[in-house]
Amino acid sequence: MSRFLNVLRSWLLMVSVIAVGNTVQSFRDHSFLSEKLYTGTPEYVNGLQARTFGIWTLLSSIIRCACAIDIQNGTLYHITLWTFVLALGHFLSEAFIYKTAPLTIGVMAPLIVASFSIVGMLIGFQCAVEPQEVVGARQKKRN
């Protein structure tokens, strides 16, 4: 496995662990979201929205951790890439369309993480995802 993929795996694991922390914070105190992320309209943030955000963040964390463990699984790699695309789209739309999340450090951090992750995963795509022919040939050898 290439050195870049090892760095990418470490990055995915680190991002996953941080997301678990954000999940816990979302369940513990929903004011976390209104004070750090959705500062444009904090009155929209309630416990239900915070728990929904927490579940979404936990699911993304689990997917990213699984990809870090099995980075050569093509389907999992694609799904992980999409978690970052969705996160980037969410925060960009909240910042620029809905105006609920002005560009504070709390919003810039996930935008930067998602952007770097997308670029890293696109670069690592060539190394990580094995062509279907290679996977098929390996399975035939085992039989």
Protein backbone atom coordinates (compact mmCIF):
# COMPACT_ATOMS: atom_id res chain seq x y z
CA MET A 1 0.00 0.00 0.00
CA SER A 2 1.33 3.41 -0.88
CA ARG A 3 2.52 5.90 1.71
CA PHE A 4 -0.18 8.33 0.60
CA LEU A 5 -2.90 5.79 1.39
CA ASN A 6 -1.47 5.30 4.87
CA VAL A 7 -1.64 9.07 5.42
CA LEU A 8 -5.18 9.12 4.04
CA ARG A 9 -6.19 6.26 6.35
CA SER A 10 -4.79 8.16 9.34
CA TRP A 11 -6.61 11.30 8.24
CA LEU A 12 -9.91 9.44 7.91
CA LEU A 13 -9.46 7.89 11.34
CA MET A 14 -8.66 11.27 12.92
CA VAL A 15 -11.67 12.92 11.26
CA SER A 16 -13.82 10.01 12.42
CA VAL A 17 -12.73 10.38 16.05
CA ILE A 18 -13.36 14.13 15.99
CA ALA A 19 -16.83 13.48 14.57
CA VAL A 20 -17.62 11.18 17.49
CA GLY A 21 -16.77 14.09 19.79
CA ASN A 22 -19.13 16.35 17.84
CA THR A 23 -21.82 13.68 18.09
CA VAL A 24 -21.50 13.51 21.85
CA GLN A 25 -21.62 17.29 22.07
CA SER A 26 -24.77 17.41 19.93
CA PHE A 27 -26.56 15.00 22.25
CA ARG A 28 -25.25 16.57 25.44
CA ASP A 29 -26.12 20.21 24.78
CA HIS A 30 -27.89 21.50 21.68
CA SER A 31 -26.64 25.06 22.31
CA PHE A 32 -23.32 23.78 20.89
CA LEU A 33 -24.83 24.02 17.41
CA SER A 34 -26.34 27.47 17.87
CA GLU A 35 -23.12 28.86 19.38
CA LYS A 36 -20.60 27.28 16.97
CA LEU A 37 -22.32 26.50 13.67
CA TYR A 38 -25.76 27.95 13.07
CA THR A 39 -25.05 31.38 14.54
CA GLY A 40 -27.05 33.20 11.86
CA THR A 41 -30.35 31.85 13.16
CA PRO A 42 -29.73 30.26 16.56
CA GLU A 43 -33.47 30.23 17.28
CA TYR A 44 -33.84 27.45 14.67
CA VAL A 45 -31.63 25.11 16.67
CA ASN A 46 -33.50 22.85 19.07
CA GLY A 47 -32.87 19.49 20.69
CA LEU A 48 -34.42 17.51 17.85
CA GLN A 49 -32.31 19.24 15.22
CA ALA A 50 -29.18 18.76 17.34
CA ARG A 51 -29.85 15.03 17.80
CA THR A 52 -30.53 14.62 14.08
CA PHE A 53 -27.25 16.40 13.35
CA GLY A 54 -25.56 14.13 15.89
CA ILE A 55 -26.88 10.95 14.26
CA TRP A 56 -25.83 12.17 10.81
CA THR A 57 -22.37 12.98 12.18
CA LEU A 58 -22.11 9.59 13.90
CA LEU A 59 -23.10 7.74 10.73
CA SER A 60 -20.48 9.67 8.75
CA SER A 61 -17.93 8.86 11.43
CA ILE A 62 -18.66 5.14 11.26
CA ILE A 63 -18.42 5.13 7.46
CA ARG A 64 -15.11 7.04 7.52
CA CYS A 65 -13.65 4.75 10.17
CA ALA A 66 -14.69 1.68 8.18
CA CYS A 67 -13.01 3.14 5.10
CA ALA A 68 -9.83 3.80 7.07
CA ILE A 69 -9.80 0.13 8.05
CA ASP A 70 -10.67 -1.22 4.57
CA ILE A 71 -9.51 1.54 2.25
CA GLN A 72 -9.31 -0.71 -0.79
CA ASN A 73 -13.02 -1.52 -0.72
CA GLY A 74 -14.24 0.44 -3.75
CA THR A 75 -17.87 0.74 -2.68
CA LEU A 76 -16.95 1.89 0.81
CA TYR A 77 -14.41 4.33 -0.64
CA HIS A 78 -17.08 5.91 -2.86
CA ILE A 79 -19.59 6.15 0.00
CA THR A 80 -16.94 7.78 2.20
CA LEU A 81 -16.14 10.29 -0.51
CA TRP A 82 -19.85 11.11 -0.73
CA THR A 83 -20.01 11.76 3.03
CA PHE A 84 -17.54 14.59 2.51
CA VAL A 85 -19.34 15.90 -0.58
CA LEU A 86 -22.62 15.97 1.37
CA ALA A 87 -21.00 17.70 4.34
CA LEU A 88 -19.43 20.31 2.06
CA GLY A 89 -22.73 20.87 0.26
CA HIS A 90 -24.62 21.14 3.55
CA PHE A 91 -22.33 23.74 5.08
CA LEU A 92 -22.01 25.74 1.85
CA SER A 93 -25.79 25.84 1.44
CA GLU A 94 -26.32 26.83 5.08
CA ALA A 95 -23.71 29.59 4.73
CA PHE A 96 -24.62 31.01 1.33
CA ILE A 97 -28.21 30.00 0.53
CA TYR A 98 -30.04 29.75 3.85
CA LYS A 99 -27.76 32.18 5.75
CA THR A 100 -28.06 30.13 8.95
CA ALA A 101 -24.31 29.51 9.29
CA PRO A 102 -22.14 32.57 8.63
CA LEU A 103 -18.49 31.91 7.84
CA THR A 104 -17.15 31.71 11.39
CA ILE A 105 -14.36 29.40 12.53
CA GLY A 106 -17.03 26.88 13.54
CA VAL A 107 -18.24 26.68 9.93
CA MET A 108 -14.89 27.14 8.23
CA ALA A 109 -13.42 24.10 10.03
CA PRO A 110 -15.85 21.55 8.53
CA LEU A 111 -15.62 23.27 5.14
CA ILE A 112 -11.83 22.95 5.19
CA VAL A 113 -11.89 19.36 6.46
CA ALA A 114 -14.45 18.32 3.82
CA SER A 115 -12.55 20.09 1.03
CA PHE A 116 -9.16 18.61 1.94
CA SER A 117 -10.74 15.20 2.39
CA ILE A 118 -12.40 15.31 -1.03
CA VAL A 119 -9.13 16.31 -2.69
CA GLY A 120 -7.19 13.66 -0.76
CA MET A 121 -9.68 10.95 -1.60
CA LEU A 122 -9.72 11.91 -5.27
CA ILE A 123 -5.91 11.73 -5.34
CA GLY A 124 -5.90 8.42 -3.47
CA PHE A 125 -8.63 6.98 -5.66
CA GLN A 126 -6.13 5.63 -8.19
CA CYS A 127 -4.18 3.76 -5.51
CA ALA A 128 -6.99 2.66 -3.24
CA VAL A 129 -9.67 1.23 -5.45
CA GLU A 130 -8.62 -1.92 -7.24
CA PRO A 131 -9.97 -2.52 -10.74
CA GLN A 132 -12.72 -5.14 -10.82
CA GLU A 133 -10.55 -7.43 -12.97
CA VAL A 134 -7.87 -7.59 -10.25
CA VAL A 135 -10.45 -8.39 -7.57
CA GLY A 136 -11.98 -11.11 -9.78
CA ALA A 137 -8.59 -12.65 -10.56
CA ARG A 138 -7.69 -12.72 -6.87
CA GLN A 139 -10.96 -14.44 -5.99
CA LYS A 140 -10.39 -17.08 -8.70
CA LYS A 141 -6.94 -17.83 -7.27
CA ARG A 142 -8.45 -18.46 -3.83
CA ASN A 143 -10.94 -20.98 -5.24
